[in-house]
């Protein structure tokens, strides 16, 4: 689907694109079948500005995915079966396309140019939508900000992930990590959780780990996570964020106070605390207020929204 730029400021200007680069990458893909798979990692058909080029790219990827040979004759037949041959310019255009690209050596370079232009067009489209929504004032500012971040991160999500890397380079990084662990006193090389047995088994919370705490309802998952959070933020002085879609931020703070003071939550709720316990609560409030803890209790938080909020921290 081609983006609509008609409402954009300066809509009379031609959106960013490079017909030469689009022609170059398509010609390279016809000349080198293996290049199709590489290009498809960073481009899709909507990356192309010209409709005829979108149709050509779609047909090339289809041939590649179905392990069929690729040349101008086979591509022409595929386009003819789809009813798109005349739309792309006929067999003459395919011949001109191939003659314009002597070899496929610069195919990925052309693809990068096409990708950059496509991102610029997408950003213009998103900016136009944000501008339109801002003028209409149909949504509160916080909602508008979240929507703007969501739209921009949708573009960012399309970026290529980590590049492939030879094992020799990973080994070098791994050995450096192992050597850094050797310099740490004790068995806990990561961030201590405060649970000694767990820390001894896991060596603490390690960077880039995804840790899932599983259990049946009301078995203490939230309490465990808050205990770890309290230890990391208050004892270790390390910043952290708590995203809770079930428990309110006030309840989370009450639980943290109970953990920090060892006061029975039931006594706190029914208002039967002793004077000494109020003193402990006052001290705990001071300690927690200085702790680098951010709490968000937005319900129905999507992964994209969570990522956007985390980037603000």
C-alpha atoms as a PDB file:
ATOM      1  CA  UNK A   1       0.000   0.000   0.000  1.00  0.00           C
ATOM      2  CA  UNK A   2       1.410   3.384  -1.030  1.00  0.00           C
ATOM      3  CA  UNK A   3       1.512   6.008   1.737  1.00  0.00           C
ATOM      4  CA  UNK A   4      -0.644   9.151   1.469  1.00  0.00           C
ATOM      5  CA  UNK A   5       1.450  12.304   1.728  1.00  0.00           C
ATOM      6  CA  UNK A   6      -1.251  14.709   0.537  1.00  0.00           C
ATOM      7  CA  UNK A   7      -1.886  16.204   3.974  1.00  0.00           C
ATOM      8  CA  UNK A   8       1.759  16.802   4.801  1.00  0.00           C
ATOM      9  CA  UNK A   9       3.287  20.278   5.006  1.00  0.00           C
ATOM     10  CA  UNK A  10       4.971  20.825   1.660  1.00  0.00           C
ATOM     11  CA  UNK A  11       2.753  18.135   0.118  1.00  0.00           C
ATOM     12  CA  UNK A  12       3.653  19.528  -3.285  1.00  0.00           C
ATOM     13  CA  UNK A  13       7.166  18.183  -2.771  1.00  0.00           C
ATOM     14  CA  UNK A  14       8.043  14.723  -4.043  1.00  0.00           C
ATOM     15  CA  UNK A  15       8.552  12.253  -1.146  1.00  0.00           C
ATOM     16  CA  UNK A  16      12.096  10.890  -0.679  1.00  0.00           C
ATOM     17  CA  UNK A  17      12.910   8.097  -3.109  1.00  0.00           C
ATOM     18  CA  UNK A  18      15.568   6.909  -5.537  1.00  0.00           C
ATOM     19  CA  UNK A  19      14.321   5.289  -8.731  1.00  0.00           C
ATOM     20  CA  UNK A  20      17.931   4.539  -9.672  1.00  0.00           C
ATOM     21  CA  UNK A  21      18.565   2.630  -6.429  1.00  0.00           C
ATOM     22  CA  UNK A  22      15.271   0.744  -6.762  1.00  0.00           C
ATOM     23  CA  UNK A  23      16.178  -0.205 -10.319  1.00  0.00           C
ATOM     24  CA  UNK A  24      19.663  -1.201  -9.182  1.00  0.00           C
ATOM     25  CA  UNK A  25      18.502  -3.509  -6.405  1.00  0.00           C
ATOM     26  CA  UNK A  26      15.837  -5.188  -8.568  1.00  0.00           C
ATOM     27  CA  UNK A  27      18.288  -5.749 -11.419  1.00  0.00           C
ATOM     28  CA  UNK A  28      20.817  -7.187  -8.969  1.00  0.00           C
ATOM     29  CA  UNK A  29      18.191  -9.563  -7.570  1.00  0.00           C
ATOM     30  CA  UNK A  30      17.448 -10.870 -11.076  1.00  0.00           C
ATOM     31  CA  UNK A  31      21.155 -11.422 -11.726  1.00  0.00           C
ATOM     32  CA  UNK A  32      21.876 -13.093  -8.365  1.00  0.00           C
ATOM     33  CA  UNK A  33      19.130 -15.279  -6.870  1.00  0.00           C
ATOM     34  CA  UNK A  34      20.865 -15.548  -3.478  1.00  0.00           C
ATOM     35  CA  UNK A  35      20.764 -11.779  -3.186  1.00  0.00           C
ATOM     36  CA  UNK A  36      16.954 -11.967  -3.039  1.00  0.00           C
ATOM     37  CA  UNK A  37      17.089 -13.588   0.405  1.00  0.00           C
ATOM     38  CA  UNK A  38      19.554 -11.007   1.703  1.00  0.00           C
ATOM     39  CA  UNK A  39      17.597  -8.044   0.383  1.00  0.00           C
ATOM     40  CA  UNK A  40      14.329  -9.443   1.766  1.00  0.00           C
ATOM     41  CA  UNK A  41      15.817  -9.179   5.266  1.00  0.00           C
ATOM     42  CA  UNK A  42      15.859  -5.379   5.097  1.00  0.00           C
ATOM     43  CA  UNK A  43      13.192  -4.526   2.505  1.00  0.00           C
ATOM     44  CA  UNK A  44       9.581  -5.413   1.792  1.00  0.00           C
ATOM     45  CA  UNK A  45       7.508  -4.417  -1.213  1.00  0.00           C
ATOM     46  CA  UNK A  46       6.303  -1.232   0.503  1.00  0.00           C
ATOM     47  CA  UNK A  47       9.922  -0.083   0.736  1.00  0.00           C
ATOM     48  CA  UNK A  48       9.710   0.729  -2.978  1.00  0.00           C
ATOM     49  CA  UNK A  49       8.260   4.052  -4.092  1.00  0.00           C
ATOM     50  CA  UNK A  50       7.210   3.014  -7.596  1.00  0.00           C
ATOM     51  CA  UNK A  51       4.237   0.636  -7.829  1.00  0.00           C
ATOM     52  CA  UNK A  52       5.829  -1.306 -10.705  1.00  0.00           C
ATOM     53  CA  UNK A  53       8.880  -1.917  -8.528  1.00  0.00           C
ATOM     54  CA  UNK A  54       6.674  -3.168  -5.687  1.00  0.00           C
ATOM     55  CA  UNK A  55       5.116  -5.725  -8.034  1.00  0.00           C
ATOM     56  CA  UNK A  56       8.525  -6.834  -9.321  1.00  0.00           C
ATOM     57  CA  UNK A  57       9.911  -7.246  -5.812  1.00  0.00           C
ATOM     58  CA  UNK A  58       6.873  -9.254  -4.716  1.00  0.00           C
ATOM     59  CA  UNK A  59       7.260 -11.614  -7.690  1.00  0.00           C
ATOM     60  CA  UNK A  60      11.003 -12.060  -7.111  1.00  0.00           C
ATOM     61  CA  UNK A  61      10.507 -12.938  -3.434  1.00  0.00           C
ATOM     62  CA  UNK A  62       7.759 -15.408  -4.377  1.00  0.00           C
ATOM     63  CA  UNK A  63      10.068 -17.179  -6.849  1.00  0.00           C
ATOM     64  CA  UNK A  64      12.844 -17.277  -4.259  1.00  0.00           C
ATOM     65  CA  UNK A  65      10.581 -18.575  -1.469  1.00  0.00           C
ATOM     66  CA  UNK A  66       9.350 -21.361  -3.746  1.00  0.00           C
ATOM     67  CA  UNK A  67      12.909 -22.311  -4.717  1.00  0.00           C
ATOM     68  CA  UNK A  68      12.344 -21.563  -8.381  1.00  0.00           C
ATOM     69  CA  UNK A  69      15.091 -20.317 -10.709  1.00  0.00           C
ATOM     70  CA  UNK A  70      15.165 -16.595 -11.426  1.00  0.00           C
ATOM     71  CA  UNK A  71      15.859 -14.910 -14.744  1.00  0.00           C
ATOM     72  CA  UNK A  72      14.081 -12.382 -16.937  1.00  0.00           C
ATOM     73  CA  UNK A  73      12.047 -15.034 -18.807  1.00  0.00           C
ATOM     74  CA  UNK A  74      10.773 -16.801 -15.675  1.00  0.00           C
ATOM     75  CA  UNK A  75      10.049 -13.457 -14.027  1.00  0.00           C
ATOM     76  CA  UNK A  76       8.105 -12.332 -17.100  1.00  0.00           C
ATOM     77  CA  UNK A  77       5.958 -15.486 -16.966  1.00  0.00           C
ATOM     78  CA  UNK A  78       5.274 -15.019 -13.260  1.00  0.00           C
ATOM     79  CA  UNK A  79       4.214 -11.405 -13.794  1.00  0.00           C
ATOM     80  CA  UNK A  80       2.042 -12.423 -16.754  1.00  0.00           C
ATOM     81  CA  UNK A  81       0.260 -15.065 -14.645  1.00  0.00           C
ATOM     82  CA  UNK A  82      -0.452 -12.421 -12.033  1.00  0.00           C
ATOM     83  CA  UNK A  83      -1.729 -10.002 -14.672  1.00  0.00           C
ATOM     84  CA  UNK A  84       0.985  -7.482 -13.810  1.00  0.00           C
ATOM     85  CA  UNK A  85       3.271  -7.691 -16.835  1.00  0.00           C
ATOM     86  CA  UNK A  86       1.828  -4.667 -18.628  1.00  0.00           C
ATOM     87  CA  UNK A  87       1.684  -2.725 -15.365  1.00  0.00           C
ATOM     88  CA  UNK A  88       5.436  -3.065 -14.805  1.00  0.00           C
ATOM     89  CA  UNK A  89       6.265  -2.051 -18.361  1.00  0.00           C
ATOM     90  CA  UNK A  90       6.333  -5.349 -20.220  1.00  0.00           C
ATOM     91  CA  UNK A  91       9.291  -7.475 -21.293  1.00  0.00           C
ATOM     92  CA  UNK A  92      11.071  -4.438 -22.697  1.00  0.00           C
ATOM     93  CA  UNK A  93      11.240  -2.891 -19.226  1.00  0.00           C
ATOM     94  CA  UNK A  94      12.714  -6.091 -17.769  1.00  0.00           C
ATOM     95  CA  UNK A  95      15.411  -6.009 -20.431  1.00  0.00           C
ATOM     96  CA  UNK A  96      16.185  -2.376 -19.684  1.00  0.00           C
ATOM     97  CA  UNK A  97      16.287  -3.206 -15.986  1.00  0.00           C
ATOM     98  CA  UNK A  98      18.935  -5.882 -16.440  1.00  0.00           C
ATOM     99  CA  UNK A  99      21.007  -3.859 -18.900  1.00  0.00           C
ATOM    100  CA  UNK A 100      21.125  -0.981 -16.410  1.00  0.00           C
ATOM    101  CA  UNK A 101      22.880  -3.216 -13.852  1.00  0.00           C
ATOM    102  CA  UNK A 102      26.054  -4.886 -15.192  1.00  0.00           C
ATOM    103  CA  UNK A 103      26.472  -7.123 -12.119  1.00  0.00           C
ATOM    104  CA  UNK A 104      25.022  -7.700  -8.657  1.00  0.00           C
ATOM    105  CA  UNK A 105      28.079  -6.602  -6.685  1.00  0.00           C
ATOM    106  CA  UNK A 106      26.456  -3.432  -5.331  1.00  0.00           C
ATOM    107  CA  UNK A 107      22.998  -4.897  -4.753  1.00  0.00           C
ATOM    108  CA  UNK A 108      23.015  -4.552  -0.955  1.00  0.00           C
ATOM    109  CA  UNK A 109      24.299  -0.988  -1.224  1.00  0.00           C
ATOM    110  CA  UNK A 110      21.344  -0.142  -3.467  1.00  0.00           C
ATOM    111  CA  UNK A 111      19.026  -1.902  -0.997  1.00  0.00           C
ATOM    112  CA  UNK A 112      20.308   0.242   1.874  1.00  0.00           C
ATOM    113  CA  UNK A 113      19.569   3.408  -0.114  1.00  0.00           C
ATOM    114  CA  UNK A 114      16.028   2.172  -0.833  1.00  0.00           C
ATOM    115  CA  UNK A 115      15.548   1.348   2.847  1.00  0.00           C
ATOM    116  CA  UNK A 116      16.731   4.787   3.993  1.00  0.00           C
ATOM    117  CA  UNK A 117      14.328   6.511   1.600  1.00  0.00           C
ATOM    118  CA  UNK A 118      11.457   4.276   2.742  1.00  0.00           C
ATOM    119  CA  UNK A 119      12.099   5.100   6.410  1.00  0.00           C
ATOM    120  CA  UNK A 120      12.113   8.806   5.555  1.00  0.00           C
ATOM    121  CA  UNK A 121       8.735   8.447   3.804  1.00  0.00           C
ATOM    122  CA  UNK A 122       7.306   6.512   6.747  1.00  0.00           C
ATOM    123  CA  UNK A 123       8.484   9.195   9.170  1.00  0.00           C
ATOM    124  CA  UNK A 124       6.866  11.894   7.023  1.00  0.00           C
ATOM    125  CA  UNK A 125       3.601   9.942   7.065  1.00  0.00           C
ATOM    126  CA  UNK A 126       3.733   9.499  10.848  1.00  0.00           C
ATOM    127  CA  UNK A 127       4.659  13.147  11.411  1.00  0.00           C
ATOM    128  CA  UNK A 128       1.721  14.171   9.222  1.00  0.00           C
ATOM    129  CA  UNK A 129      -0.637  12.024  11.314  1.00  0.00           C
ATOM    130  CA  UNK A 130       0.747  13.483  14.554  1.00  0.00           C
ATOM    131  CA  UNK A 131       0.359  17.013  13.171  1.00  0.00           C
ATOM    132  CA  UNK A 132      -3.235  16.289  12.129  1.00  0.00           C
ATOM    133  CA  UNK A 133      -4.140  14.807  15.528  1.00  0.00           C
ATOM    134  CA  UNK A 134      -2.497  17.732  17.345  1.00  0.00           C
ATOM    135  CA  UNK A 135      -4.497  20.314  15.406  1.00  0.00           C
ATOM    136  CA  UNK A 136      -7.782  18.470  15.877  1.00  0.00           C
ATOM    137  CA  UNK A 137      -7.279  18.260  19.690  1.00  0.00           C
ATOM    138  CA  UNK A 138      -9.555  15.239  19.966  1.00  0.00           C
ATOM    139  CA  UNK A 139      -7.266  13.474  22.465  1.00  0.00           C
ATOM    140  CA  UNK A 140      -5.570  14.509  25.701  1.00  0.00           C
ATOM    141  CA  UNK A 141      -1.865  15.271  25.453  1.00  0.00           C
ATOM    142  CA  UNK A 142      -0.685  12.122  27.276  1.00  0.00           C
ATOM    143  CA  UNK A 143      -2.729   9.930  24.947  1.00  0.00           C
ATOM    144  CA  UNK A 144      -1.359  11.823  21.960  1.00  0.00           C
ATOM    145  CA  UNK A 145       2.225  11.358  23.160  1.00  0.00           C
ATOM    146  CA  UNK A 146       1.711   7.623  23.618  1.00  0.00           C
ATOM    147  CA  UNK A 147       0.189   7.369  20.148  1.00  0.00           C
ATOM    148  CA  UNK A 148       3.091   9.316  18.616  1.00  0.00           C
ATOM    149  CA  UNK A 149       5.655   7.068  20.282  1.00  0.00           C
ATOM    150  CA  UNK A 150       3.703   3.998  19.212  1.00  0.00           C
ATOM    151  CA  UNK A 151       3.679   5.103  15.568  1.00  0.00           C
ATOM    152  CA  UNK A 152       7.386   5.912  15.543  1.00  0.00           C
ATOM    153  CA  UNK A 153       8.344   2.660  17.255  1.00  0.00           C
ATOM    154  CA  UNK A 154       6.327   0.745  14.679  1.00  0.00           C
ATOM    155  CA  UNK A 155       8.825   2.090  12.158  1.00  0.00           C
ATOM    156  CA  UNK A 156      11.737   1.217  14.444  1.00  0.00           C
ATOM    157  CA  UNK A 157      10.391  -2.336  14.830  1.00  0.00           C
ATOM    158  CA  UNK A 158      10.954  -2.899  11.122  1.00  0.00           C
ATOM    159  CA  UNK A 159      14.688  -2.369  11.463  1.00  0.00           C
ATOM    160  CA  UNK A 160      16.999  -5.319  11.065  1.00  0.00           C
ATOM    161  CA  UNK A 161      17.987  -7.132  14.247  1.00  0.00           C
ATOM    162  CA  UNK A 162      21.478  -8.126  15.260  1.00  0.00           C
ATOM    163  CA  UNK A 163      23.844  -8.843  12.415  1.00  0.00           C
ATOM    164  CA  UNK A 164      25.331 -12.278  11.964  1.00  0.00           C
ATOM    165  CA  UNK A 165      28.796 -12.494  13.472  1.00  0.00           C
ATOM    166  CA  UNK A 166      31.591 -15.056  13.266  1.00  0.00           C
ATOM    167  CA  UNK A 167      32.119 -17.172  16.369  1.00  0.00           C
ATOM    168  CA  UNK A 168      35.723 -15.961  16.724  1.00  0.00           C
ATOM    169  CA  UNK A 169      34.455 -12.460  17.540  1.00  0.00           C
ATOM    170  CA  UNK A 170      31.912 -13.825  20.024  1.00  0.00           C
ATOM    171  CA  UNK A 171      34.624 -15.934  21.671  1.00  0.00           C
ATOM    172  CA  UNK A 172      36.724 -12.827  22.240  1.00  0.00           C
ATOM    173  CA  UNK A 173      33.833 -11.066  23.965  1.00  0.00           C
ATOM    174  CA  UNK A 174      33.022 -14.197  25.969  1.00  0.00           C
ATOM    175  CA  UNK A 175      36.586 -14.563  27.256  1.00  0.00           C
ATOM    176  CA  UNK A 176      36.599 -10.916  28.304  1.00  0.00           C
ATOM    177  CA  UNK A 177      33.381 -11.562  30.247  1.00  0.00           C
ATOM    178  CA  UNK A 178      34.841 -14.665  31.921  1.00  0.00           C
ATOM    179  CA  UNK A 179      37.944 -12.725  32.949  1.00  0.00           C
ATOM    180  CA  UNK A 180      35.805  -9.948  34.422  1.00  0.00           C
ATOM    181  CA  UNK A 181      33.902 -12.541  36.483  1.00  0.00           C
ATOM    182  CA  UNK A 182      37.197 -13.791  37.894  1.00  0.00           C
ATOM    183  CA  UNK A 183      37.888 -10.312  39.283  1.00  0.00           C
ATOM    184  CA  UNK A 184      34.655 -10.324  41.316  1.00  0.00           C
ATOM    185  CA  UNK A 185      34.918 -11.365  44.955  1.00  0.00           C
ATOM    186  CA  UNK A 186      32.548 -14.161  45.938  1.00  0.00           C
ATOM    187  CA  UNK A 187      30.262 -16.336  43.829  1.00  0.00           C
ATOM    188  CA  UNK A 188      27.711 -13.673  42.877  1.00  0.00           C
ATOM    189  CA  UNK A 189      28.948 -12.007  39.700  1.00  0.00           C
ATOM    190  CA  UNK A 190      25.601 -10.424  38.797  1.00  0.00           C
ATOM    191  CA  UNK A 191      23.138  -8.336  40.804  1.00  0.00           C
ATOM    192  CA  UNK A 192      22.246 -10.063  44.105  1.00  0.00           C
ATOM    193  CA  UNK A 193      18.543 -10.767  44.631  1.00  0.00           C
ATOM    194  CA  UNK A 194      18.795 -10.898  48.412  1.00  0.00           C
ATOM    195  CA  UNK A 195      17.902 -14.606  48.436  1.00  0.00           C
ATOM    196  CA  UNK A 196      21.208 -16.286  49.273  1.00  0.00           C
ATOM    197  CA  UNK A 197      20.388 -19.755  47.935  1.00  0.00           C
ATOM    198  CA  UNK A 198      19.080 -18.359  44.653  1.00  0.00           C
ATOM    199  CA  UNK A 199      22.122 -16.112  44.280  1.00  0.00           C
ATOM    200  CA  UNK A 200      24.454 -19.060  44.886  1.00  0.00           C
ATOM    201  CA  UNK A 201      22.697 -21.098  42.199  1.00  0.00           C
ATOM    202  CA  UNK A 202      22.358 -18.324  39.602  1.00  0.00           C
ATOM    203  CA  UNK A 203      25.298 -16.034  40.475  1.00  0.00           C
ATOM    204  CA  UNK A 204      22.776 -13.195  40.637  1.00  0.00           C
ATOM    205  CA  UNK A 205      20.805 -11.389  37.948  1.00  0.00           C
ATOM    206  CA  UNK A 206      22.893 -11.294  34.779  1.00  0.00           C
ATOM    207  CA  UNK A 207      22.681  -8.744  31.923  1.00  0.00           C
ATOM    208  CA  UNK A 208      20.437  -9.607  28.929  1.00  0.00           C
ATOM    209  CA  UNK A 209      18.661 -12.400  30.821  1.00  0.00           C
ATOM    210  CA  UNK A 210      14.899 -12.863  30.586  1.00  0.00           C
ATOM    211  CA  UNK A 211      13.783 -14.328  33.914  1.00  0.00           C
ATOM    212  CA  UNK A 212      10.244 -15.685  34.218  1.00  0.00           C
ATOM    213  CA  UNK A 213       8.794 -16.347  37.676  1.00  0.00           C
ATOM    214  CA  UNK A 214       5.988 -18.885  37.262  1.00  0.00           C
ATOM    215  CA  UNK A 215       3.468 -20.242  39.735  1.00  0.00           C
ATOM    216  CA  UNK A 216      -0.211 -20.722  40.470  1.00  0.00           C
ATOM    217  CA  UNK A 217      -2.348 -17.740  41.610  1.00  0.00           C
ATOM    218  CA  UNK A 218      -1.610 -16.373  45.092  1.00  0.00           C
ATOM    219  CA  UNK A 219       1.591 -18.404  45.440  1.00  0.00           C
ATOM    220  CA  UNK A 220       3.798 -15.349  46.055  1.00  0.00           C
ATOM    221  CA  UNK A 221       5.108 -14.384  42.599  1.00  0.00           C
ATOM    222  CA  UNK A 222       4.492 -10.663  43.119  1.00  0.00           C
ATOM    223  CA  UNK A 223       5.852 -10.758  46.668  1.00  0.00           C
ATOM    224  CA  UNK A 224       9.013 -12.485  45.460  1.00  0.00           C
ATOM    225  CA  UNK A 225       9.502  -9.930  42.670  1.00  0.00           C
ATOM    226  CA  UNK A 226       8.966  -7.021  45.068  1.00  0.00           C
ATOM    227  CA  UNK A 227      11.420  -8.522  47.565  1.00  0.00           C
ATOM    228  CA  UNK A 228      14.031  -8.660  44.817  1.00  0.00           C
ATOM    229  CA  UNK A 229      13.168  -5.116  43.715  1.00  0.00           C
ATOM    230  CA  UNK A 230      13.449  -3.799  47.273  1.00  0.00           C
ATOM    231  CA  UNK A 231      16.849  -5.438  47.748  1.00  0.00           C
ATOM    232  CA  UNK A 232      18.218  -4.267  44.399  1.00  0.00           C
ATOM    233  CA  UNK A 233      17.023  -0.664  44.737  1.00  0.00           C
ATOM    234  CA  UNK A 234      17.440  -0.048  48.476  1.00  0.00           C
ATOM    235  CA  UNK A 235      20.409  -2.252  49.344  1.00  0.00           C
ATOM    236  CA  UNK A 236      22.279  -2.240  46.023  1.00  0.00           C
ATOM    237  CA  UNK A 237      21.248   1.318  45.031  1.00  0.00           C
ATOM    238  CA  UNK A 238      20.549   0.182  41.464  1.00  0.00           C
ATOM    239  CA  UNK A 239      17.723   1.832  39.496  1.00  0.00           C
ATOM    240  CA  UNK A 240      14.776  -0.287  38.389  1.00  0.00           C
ATOM    241  CA  UNK A 241      11.270   0.025  36.999  1.00  0.00           C
ATOM    242  CA  UNK A 242       8.190  -1.917  38.082  1.00  0.00           C
ATOM    243  CA  UNK A 243       5.422  -2.349  35.493  1.00  0.00           C
ATOM    244  CA  UNK A 244       2.274  -3.786  37.074  1.00  0.00           C
ATOM    245  CA  UNK A 245      -0.948  -4.435  35.154  1.00  0.00           C
ATOM    246  CA  UNK A 246      -2.792  -5.987  38.113  1.00  0.00           C
ATOM    247  CA  UNK A 247      -1.607  -4.378  41.351  1.00  0.00           C
ATOM    248  CA  UNK A 248      -2.027  -0.622  41.855  1.00  0.00           C
ATOM    249  CA  UNK A 249       1.007   1.551  42.544  1.00  0.00           C
ATOM    250  CA  UNK A 250      -0.320   2.346  46.030  1.00  0.00           C
ATOM    251  CA  UNK A 251      -0.643  -1.363  46.864  1.00  0.00           C
ATOM    252  CA  UNK A 252       2.873  -1.973  45.557  1.00  0.00           C
ATOM    253  CA  UNK A 253       4.256   0.735  47.847  1.00  0.00           C
ATOM    254  CA  UNK A 254       2.305  -0.679  50.811  1.00  0.00           C
ATOM    255  CA  UNK A 255       3.804  -4.104  50.110  1.00  0.00           C
ATOM    256  CA  UNK A 256       7.300  -2.612  49.878  1.00  0.00           C
ATOM    257  CA  UNK A 257       6.796  -0.871  53.223  1.00  0.00           C
ATOM    258  CA  UNK A 258       5.684  -4.133  54.840  1.00  0.00           C
ATOM    259  CA  UNK A 259       8.717  -5.954  53.455  1.00  0.00           C
ATOM    260  CA  UNK A 260      11.118  -3.243  54.539  1.00  0.00           C
ATOM    261  CA  UNK A 261       9.706  -2.960  58.074  1.00  0.00           C
ATOM    262  CA  UNK A 262       8.624  -6.606  58.576  1.00  0.00           C
ATOM    263  CA  UNK A 263       5.201  -5.311  59.635  1.00  0.00           C
ATOM    264  CA  UNK A 264       2.133  -7.522  59.162  1.00  0.00           C
ATOM    265  CA  UNK A 265       0.131  -6.151  56.220  1.00  0.00           C
ATOM    266  CA  UNK A 266      -3.124  -7.113  57.953  1.00  0.00           C
ATOM    267  CA  UNK A 267      -2.322  -4.919  60.972  1.00  0.00           C
ATOM    268  CA  UNK A 268      -1.502  -2.051  58.612  1.00  0.00           C
ATOM    269  CA  UNK A 269      -4.824  -2.404  56.792  1.00  0.00           C
ATOM    270  CA  UNK A 270      -6.998  -2.651  59.912  1.00  0.00           C
ATOM    271  CA  UNK A 271      -5.253   0.300  61.568  1.00  0.00           C
ATOM    272  CA  UNK A 272      -3.905  -1.524  64.647  1.00  0.00           C
ATOM    273  CA  UNK A 273      -0.246  -0.511  64.385  1.00  0.00           C
ATOM    274  CA  UNK A 274       1.744   0.306  67.511  1.00  0.00           C
ATOM    275  CA  UNK A 275       3.658   3.540  68.011  1.00  0.00           C
ATOM    276  CA  UNK A 276       6.959   1.721  67.481  1.00  0.00           C
ATOM    277  CA  UNK A 277       5.685   0.346  64.172  1.00  0.00           C
ATOM    278  CA  UNK A 278       4.771   3.850  63.000  1.00  0.00           C
ATOM    279  CA  UNK A 279       8.338   4.882  63.753  1.00  0.00           C
ATOM    280  CA  UNK A 280       9.631   1.998  61.647  1.00  0.00           C
ATOM    281  CA  UNK A 281       7.284   3.014  58.838  1.00  0.00           C
ATOM    282  CA  UNK A 282       8.599   6.569  58.968  1.00  0.00           C
ATOM    283  CA  UNK A 283      12.188   5.341  58.651  1.00  0.00           C
ATOM    284  CA  UNK A 284      11.191   3.010  55.811  1.00  0.00           C
ATOM    285  CA  UNK A 285       9.466   5.867  53.969  1.00  0.00           C
ATOM    286  CA  UNK A 286      12.713   7.819  54.113  1.00  0.00           C
ATOM    287  CA  UNK A 287      14.730   4.904  52.745  1.00  0.00           C
ATOM    288  CA  UNK A 288      12.264   4.067  49.970  1.00  0.00           C
ATOM    289  CA  UNK A 289      11.842   7.704  48.930  1.00  0.00           C
ATOM    290  CA  UNK A 290      15.574   7.804  48.173  1.00  0.00           C
ATOM    291  CA  UNK A 291      15.516   4.485  46.295  1.00  0.00           C
ATOM    292  CA  UNK A 292      15.741   4.694  42.465  1.00  0.00           C
ATOM    293  CA  UNK A 293      12.380   2.961  41.858  1.00  0.00           C
ATOM    294  CA  UNK A 294       9.919   3.914  39.103  1.00  0.00           C
ATOM    295  CA  UNK A 295       6.405   2.389  39.242  1.00  0.00           C
ATOM    296  CA  UNK A 296       3.880   2.191  36.393  1.00  0.00           C
ATOM    297  CA  UNK A 297       0.502   0.526  36.961  1.00  0.00           C
ATOM    298  CA  UNK A 298      -1.050   1.199  33.538  1.00  0.00           C
ATOM    299  CA  UNK A 299      -3.535  -1.608  32.758  1.00  0.00           C
ATOM    300  CA  UNK A 300      -3.423  -3.387  29.411  1.00  0.00           C
ATOM    301  CA  UNK A 301       0.145  -2.306  28.675  1.00  0.00           C
ATOM    302  CA  UNK A 302       1.331  -3.660  25.314  1.00  0.00           C
ATOM    303  CA  UNK A 303       4.959  -4.738  24.719  1.00  0.00           C
ATOM    304  CA  UNK A 304       5.436  -1.782  22.361  1.00  0.00           C
ATOM    305  CA  UNK A 305       4.105   0.676  24.963  1.00  0.00           C
ATOM    306  CA  UNK A 306       6.273  -0.911  27.653  1.00  0.00           C
ATOM    307  CA  UNK A 307       9.326  -0.531  25.433  1.00  0.00           C
ATOM    308  CA  UNK A 308       8.484   3.116  24.752  1.00  0.00           C
ATOM    309  CA  UNK A 309       8.100   3.872  28.464  1.00  0.00           C
ATOM    310  CA  UNK A 310      11.294   2.004  29.340  1.00  0.00           C
ATOM    311  CA  UNK A 311      13.229   4.125  26.841  1.00  0.00           C
ATOM    312  CA  UNK A 312      12.105   7.266  28.684  1.00  0.00           C
ATOM    313  CA  UNK A 313      13.776   6.156  31.909  1.00  0.00           C
END
